[in-house]
């Protein structure tokens, strides 16, 4: 899986977009995101991509609503089973609340 802000708008046919898609398809990659991910000008664009060459584990992908940035977050949910002995205890690293969001916005 490849995630990124590629600055190639999948909504606008251009020579660069065709070259980009040819490169993806020739390497057996498909874009999973087709909704608008950026709202910076007059038109919405789809420039934040998730690419895969293996659809078998893809359970869900999409775009989240977010009002603090012009780029919307993209996500991928995989259908992968983890053995109980392989599970790791994950602890949150970032507390998200009004104070941290307001601090992020003011920066």
N, C-alpha and C. Protein backbone atom coordinates (compact mmCIF):
# COMPACT_ATOMS: atom_id res chain seq x y z
N UNK A 1 0.84 -1.17 0.00
CA UNK A 1 0.00 0.00 0.00
C UNK A 1 0.88 1.23 0.00
N UNK A 2 0.46 2.23 -0.76
CA UNK A 2 1.18 3.49 -0.83
C UNK A 2 0.18 4.61 -0.54
N UNK A 3 0.52 5.48 0.40
CA UNK A 3 -0.31 6.64 0.75
C UNK A 3 0.47 7.89 0.39
N UNK A 4 -0.22 8.93 -0.07
CA UNK A 4 0.51 10.17 -0.28
C UNK A 4 -0.31 11.29 -0.87
N UNK A 5 0.25 12.47 -0.73
CA UNK A 5 -0.27 13.68 -1.38
C UNK A 5 0.56 13.82 -2.65
N UNK A 6 0.04 13.31 -3.75
CA UNK A 6 0.81 13.22 -4.99
C UNK A 6 0.67 14.45 -5.88
N UNK A 7 -0.26 15.34 -5.54
CA UNK A 7 -0.52 16.54 -6.35
C UNK A 7 -0.82 16.21 -7.80
N UNK A 8 -1.38 15.04 -8.04
CA UNK A 8 -1.90 14.67 -9.35
C UNK A 8 -3.40 14.56 -9.17
N UNK A 9 -4.13 15.46 -9.80
CA UNK A 9 -5.57 15.52 -9.63
C UNK A 9 -6.24 14.48 -10.52
N UNK A 10 -6.86 13.49 -9.91
CA UNK A 10 -7.54 12.44 -10.67
C UNK A 10 -8.81 12.94 -11.33
N UNK A 11 -9.26 14.15 -11.00
CA UNK A 11 -10.46 14.72 -11.61
C UNK A 11 -10.18 15.48 -12.90
N UNK A 12 -8.91 15.79 -13.17
CA UNK A 12 -8.61 16.60 -14.35
C UNK A 12 -7.73 15.82 -15.32
N UNK A 13 -8.28 15.55 -16.48
CA UNK A 13 -7.52 14.84 -17.51
C UNK A 13 -6.38 15.75 -17.99
N UNK A 14 -5.18 15.24 -17.89
CA UNK A 14 -4.01 15.97 -18.36
C UNK A 14 -2.96 14.95 -18.76
N UNK A 15 -1.92 15.43 -19.40
CA UNK A 15 -0.84 14.54 -19.80
C UNK A 15 -0.16 13.92 -18.58
N UNK A 16 0.06 14.73 -17.53
CA UNK A 16 0.68 14.20 -16.31
C UNK A 16 -0.21 13.16 -15.63
N UNK A 17 -1.52 13.40 -15.61
CA UNK A 17 -2.43 12.44 -14.99
C UNK A 17 -2.42 11.13 -15.77
N UNK A 18 -2.40 11.20 -17.09
CA UNK A 18 -2.36 9.97 -17.90
C UNK A 18 -1.05 9.21 -17.66
N UNK A 19 0.07 9.92 -17.59
CA UNK A 19 1.36 9.26 -17.31
C UNK A 19 1.35 8.60 -15.93
N UNK A 20 0.78 9.30 -14.96
CA UNK A 20 0.69 8.78 -13.60
C UNK A 20 -0.15 7.50 -13.58
N UNK A 21 -1.32 7.54 -14.22
CA UNK A 21 -2.19 6.37 -14.24
C UNK A 21 -1.56 5.23 -15.02
N UNK A 22 -0.88 5.52 -16.11
CA UNK A 22 -0.16 4.47 -16.86
C UNK A 22 0.90 3.81 -16.00
N UNK A 23 1.61 4.62 -15.22
CA UNK A 23 2.64 4.08 -14.31
C UNK A 23 2.00 3.18 -13.25
N UNK A 24 0.88 3.63 -12.68
CA UNK A 24 0.18 2.82 -11.68
C UNK A 24 -0.27 1.49 -12.27
N UNK A 25 -0.99 1.57 -13.39
CA UNK A 25 -1.56 0.36 -13.99
C UNK A 25 -0.48 -0.60 -14.47
N UNK A 26 0.62 -0.07 -14.99
CA UNK A 26 1.69 -0.95 -15.47
C UNK A 26 2.39 -1.67 -14.32
N UNK A 27 2.23 -1.16 -13.10
CA UNK A 27 2.79 -1.82 -11.91
C UNK A 27 1.70 -2.48 -11.07
N UNK A 28 0.53 -2.67 -11.67
CA UNK A 28 -0.60 -3.35 -11.04
C UNK A 28 -1.13 -2.64 -9.80
N UNK A 29 -1.02 -1.32 -9.75
CA UNK A 29 -1.59 -0.55 -8.65
C UNK A 29 -2.89 0.10 -9.09
N UNK A 30 -3.81 0.21 -8.13
CA UNK A 30 -5.09 0.88 -8.35
C UNK A 30 -5.28 1.94 -7.27
N UNK A 31 -5.87 3.08 -7.62
CA UNK A 31 -6.21 4.06 -6.59
C UNK A 31 -7.48 3.63 -5.85
N UNK A 32 -7.48 3.78 -4.53
CA UNK A 32 -8.64 3.42 -3.72
C UNK A 32 -9.51 4.63 -3.40
N UNK A 33 -8.99 5.83 -3.56
CA UNK A 33 -9.73 7.05 -3.22
C UNK A 33 -10.21 7.71 -4.50
N UNK A 34 -11.51 7.98 -4.58
CA UNK A 34 -12.05 8.65 -5.76
C UNK A 34 -12.86 9.90 -5.40
N UNK A 35 -12.97 10.19 -4.13
CA UNK A 35 -13.69 11.40 -3.69
C UNK A 35 -12.72 12.56 -3.53
N UNK A 36 -13.25 13.76 -3.49
CA UNK A 36 -12.43 14.95 -3.32
C UNK A 36 -11.69 14.91 -1.98
N UNK A 37 -10.41 15.28 -2.02
CA UNK A 37 -9.59 15.28 -0.81
C UNK A 37 -8.98 16.64 -0.50
N UNK A 38 -9.15 17.60 -1.39
CA UNK A 38 -8.53 18.91 -1.20
C UNK A 38 -9.47 20.00 -1.71
N UNK A 39 -9.61 21.05 -0.91
CA UNK A 39 -10.48 22.16 -1.26
C UNK A 39 -9.71 23.46 -1.10
N UNK A 40 -8.81 23.74 -2.03
CA UNK A 40 -7.96 24.92 -1.89
C UNK A 40 -8.27 26.03 -2.86
N UNK A 41 -8.95 25.75 -3.93
CA UNK A 41 -9.25 26.76 -4.93
C UNK A 41 -10.73 26.76 -5.26
N UNK A 42 -11.02 27.02 -6.51
CA UNK A 42 -12.41 27.06 -6.94
C UNK A 42 -13.03 25.67 -7.03
N UNK A 43 -12.20 24.68 -7.40
CA UNK A 43 -12.71 23.33 -7.61
C UNK A 43 -12.09 22.35 -6.62
N UNK A 44 -12.87 21.38 -6.21
CA UNK A 44 -12.36 20.30 -5.37
C UNK A 44 -11.46 19.41 -6.21
N UNK A 45 -10.43 18.85 -5.58
CA UNK A 45 -9.51 17.97 -6.29
C UNK A 45 -9.34 16.66 -5.53
N UNK A 46 -8.88 15.66 -6.24
CA UNK A 46 -8.56 14.36 -5.64
C UNK A 46 -7.05 14.16 -5.82
N UNK A 47 -6.27 14.68 -4.84
CA UNK A 47 -4.81 14.63 -4.96
C UNK A 47 -4.15 13.82 -3.85
N UNK A 48 -4.93 13.39 -2.86
CA UNK A 48 -4.41 12.54 -1.78
C UNK A 48 -4.85 11.12 -2.07
N UNK A 49 -3.88 10.24 -2.29
CA UNK A 49 -4.19 8.92 -2.83
C UNK A 49 -3.78 7.80 -1.88
N UNK A 50 -4.51 6.71 -1.96
CA UNK A 50 -4.11 5.42 -1.39
C UNK A 50 -4.07 4.46 -2.57
N UNK A 51 -2.93 3.82 -2.75
CA UNK A 51 -2.73 2.92 -3.89
C UNK A 51 -2.51 1.50 -3.37
N UNK A 52 -3.02 0.53 -4.10
CA UNK A 52 -2.81 -0.86 -3.71
C UNK A 52 -2.62 -1.73 -4.95
N UNK A 53 -1.88 -2.80 -4.75
CA UNK A 53 -1.78 -3.84 -5.78
C UNK A 53 -2.33 -5.16 -5.23
N UNK A 54 -3.10 -5.05 -4.13
CA UNK A 54 -3.69 -6.23 -3.50
C UNK A 54 -5.03 -5.84 -2.90
N UNK A 55 -6.10 -6.09 -3.61
CA UNK A 55 -7.44 -5.74 -3.14
C UNK A 55 -8.02 -6.75 -2.16
N UNK A 56 -7.40 -7.91 -2.03
CA UNK A 56 -8.01 -8.99 -1.24
C UNK A 56 -8.16 -8.65 0.24
N UNK A 57 -7.30 -7.81 0.80
CA UNK A 57 -7.40 -7.47 2.22
C UNK A 57 -8.07 -6.13 2.48
N UNK A 58 -8.45 -5.42 1.44
CA UNK A 58 -9.07 -4.11 1.62
C UNK A 58 -10.51 -4.27 2.06
N UNK A 59 -10.81 -3.78 3.24
CA UNK A 59 -12.17 -3.85 3.76
C UNK A 59 -12.92 -2.54 3.50
N UNK A 60 -12.23 -1.41 3.68
CA UNK A 60 -12.87 -0.11 3.53
C UNK A 60 -11.81 0.96 3.33
N UNK A 61 -12.10 1.91 2.49
CA UNK A 61 -11.23 3.07 2.34
C UNK A 61 -12.13 4.28 2.13
N UNK A 62 -11.61 5.45 2.45
CA UNK A 62 -12.44 6.62 2.28
C UNK A 62 -11.78 7.90 2.71
N UNK A 63 -12.60 8.93 2.82
CA UNK A 63 -12.17 10.28 3.15
C UNK A 63 -12.97 10.72 4.37
N UNK A 64 -12.30 11.32 5.35
CA UNK A 64 -12.97 11.80 6.55
C UNK A 64 -13.24 13.30 6.45
N UNK A 65 -14.36 13.75 7.01
CA UNK A 65 -14.64 15.18 7.07
C UNK A 65 -13.74 15.81 8.13
N UNK A 66 -13.21 16.96 7.80
CA UNK A 66 -12.31 17.65 8.73
C UNK A 66 -12.31 19.13 8.38
N UNK A 67 -12.55 19.99 9.36
CA UNK A 67 -12.65 21.42 9.06
C UNK A 67 -11.40 22.21 9.44
N UNK A 68 -10.33 21.54 9.89
CA UNK A 68 -9.14 22.29 10.32
C UNK A 68 -8.05 22.34 9.27
N UNK A 69 -8.28 21.73 8.12
CA UNK A 69 -7.27 21.75 7.06
C UNK A 69 -7.97 21.67 5.71
N UNK A 70 -7.28 22.12 4.68
CA UNK A 70 -7.85 22.03 3.33
C UNK A 70 -7.71 20.63 2.75
N UNK A 71 -6.78 19.84 3.29
CA UNK A 71 -6.64 18.43 2.87
C UNK A 71 -7.48 17.58 3.82
N UNK A 72 -8.32 16.74 3.26
CA UNK A 72 -9.09 15.82 4.10
C UNK A 72 -8.29 14.55 4.32
N UNK A 73 -8.36 13.99 5.53
CA UNK A 73 -7.64 12.75 5.81
C UNK A 73 -8.24 11.58 5.03
N UNK A 74 -7.38 10.73 4.52
CA UNK A 74 -7.82 9.51 3.86
C UNK A 74 -7.48 8.33 4.79
N UNK A 75 -8.24 7.26 4.67
CA UNK A 75 -7.99 6.11 5.54
C UNK A 75 -8.16 4.82 4.77
N UNK A 76 -7.58 3.78 5.33
CA UNK A 76 -7.67 2.43 4.78
C UNK A 76 -7.87 1.47 5.94
N UNK A 77 -8.89 0.63 5.82
CA UNK A 77 -9.11 -0.42 6.82
C UNK A 77 -8.90 -1.76 6.13
N UNK A 78 -8.00 -2.55 6.71
CA UNK A 78 -7.68 -3.85 6.13
C UNK A 78 -8.37 -4.96 6.90
N UNK A 79 -8.67 -6.02 6.21
CA UNK A 79 -9.27 -7.20 6.81
C UNK A 79 -8.13 -8.19 7.08
N UNK A 80 -7.46 -7.97 8.20
CA UNK A 80 -6.30 -8.80 8.56
C UNK A 80 -6.52 -9.33 9.97
N UNK A 81 -6.32 -10.60 10.13
CA UNK A 81 -6.45 -11.20 11.46
C UNK A 81 -5.06 -11.28 12.10
N UNK A 82 -5.02 -10.91 13.39
CA UNK A 82 -3.77 -10.96 14.14
C UNK A 82 -3.93 -12.00 15.23
N UNK A 83 -2.95 -12.88 15.33
CA UNK A 83 -2.99 -13.89 16.39
C UNK A 83 -2.86 -13.19 17.74
N UNK A 84 -3.52 -13.73 18.75
CA UNK A 84 -3.53 -13.09 20.07
C UNK A 84 -2.11 -12.92 20.62
N UNK A 85 -1.20 -13.84 20.34
CA UNK A 85 0.16 -13.69 20.86
C UNK A 85 0.95 -12.61 20.11
N UNK A 86 0.44 -12.19 18.95
CA UNK A 86 1.10 -11.14 18.18
C UNK A 86 0.57 -9.74 18.51
N UNK A 87 -0.51 -9.68 19.28
CA UNK A 87 -1.12 -8.39 19.58
C UNK A 87 -0.21 -7.59 20.51
N UNK A 88 -0.18 -6.31 20.28
CA UNK A 88 0.63 -5.40 21.08
C UNK A 88 -0.32 -4.48 21.84
N UNK A 89 -0.01 -4.19 23.09
CA UNK A 89 -0.83 -3.24 23.83
C UNK A 89 -0.50 -1.84 23.35
N UNK A 90 -1.45 -1.23 22.65
CA UNK A 90 -1.24 0.11 22.12
C UNK A 90 -1.83 1.13 23.09
N UNK A 91 -1.07 2.16 23.36
CA UNK A 91 -1.53 3.24 24.22
C UNK A 91 -1.61 4.51 23.38
N UNK A 92 -2.62 5.33 23.60
CA UNK A 92 -2.73 6.56 22.81
C UNK A 92 -1.52 7.46 23.03
N UNK A 93 -1.02 8.00 21.94
CA UNK A 93 0.15 8.87 22.01
C UNK A 93 -0.24 10.34 21.97
N UNK A 94 -1.46 10.64 21.52
CA UNK A 94 -1.91 12.02 21.39
C UNK A 94 -3.31 12.14 21.93
N UNK A 95 -3.48 13.05 22.87
CA UNK A 95 -4.81 13.31 23.41
C UNK A 95 -5.48 14.35 22.52
N UNK A 96 -6.65 14.02 22.02
CA UNK A 96 -7.38 14.97 21.18
C UNK A 96 -8.55 15.50 21.98
N UNK A 97 -8.53 16.79 22.22
CA UNK A 97 -9.61 17.47 22.92
C UNK A 97 -9.66 18.91 22.42
N UNK A 98 -10.54 19.72 22.98
CA UNK A 98 -10.68 21.11 22.52
C UNK A 98 -9.37 21.88 22.66
N UNK A 99 -8.64 21.63 23.75
CA UNK A 99 -7.38 22.35 23.98
C UNK A 99 -6.35 22.01 22.90
N UNK A 100 -6.15 20.74 22.59
CA UNK A 100 -5.15 20.38 21.58
C UNK A 100 -5.58 20.78 20.18
N UNK A 101 -6.87 20.68 19.86
CA UNK A 101 -7.36 21.08 18.54
C UNK A 101 -7.19 22.59 18.36
N UNK A 102 -7.58 23.37 19.39
CA UNK A 102 -7.42 24.83 19.30
C UNK A 102 -5.96 25.23 19.20
N UNK A 103 -5.07 24.52 19.89
CA UNK A 103 -3.64 24.78 19.77
C UNK A 103 -3.13 24.48 18.37
N UNK A 104 -3.63 23.41 17.78
CA UNK A 104 -3.24 23.05 16.41
C UNK A 104 -3.71 24.11 15.42
N UNK A 105 -4.94 24.57 15.58
CA UNK A 105 -5.51 25.57 14.68
C UNK A 105 -4.75 26.89 14.80
N UNK A 106 -4.38 27.28 16.03
CA UNK A 106 -3.72 28.58 16.20
C UNK A 106 -2.29 28.56 15.68
N UNK A 107 -1.67 27.39 15.55
CA UNK A 107 -0.31 27.32 14.98
C UNK A 107 -0.42 27.53 13.52
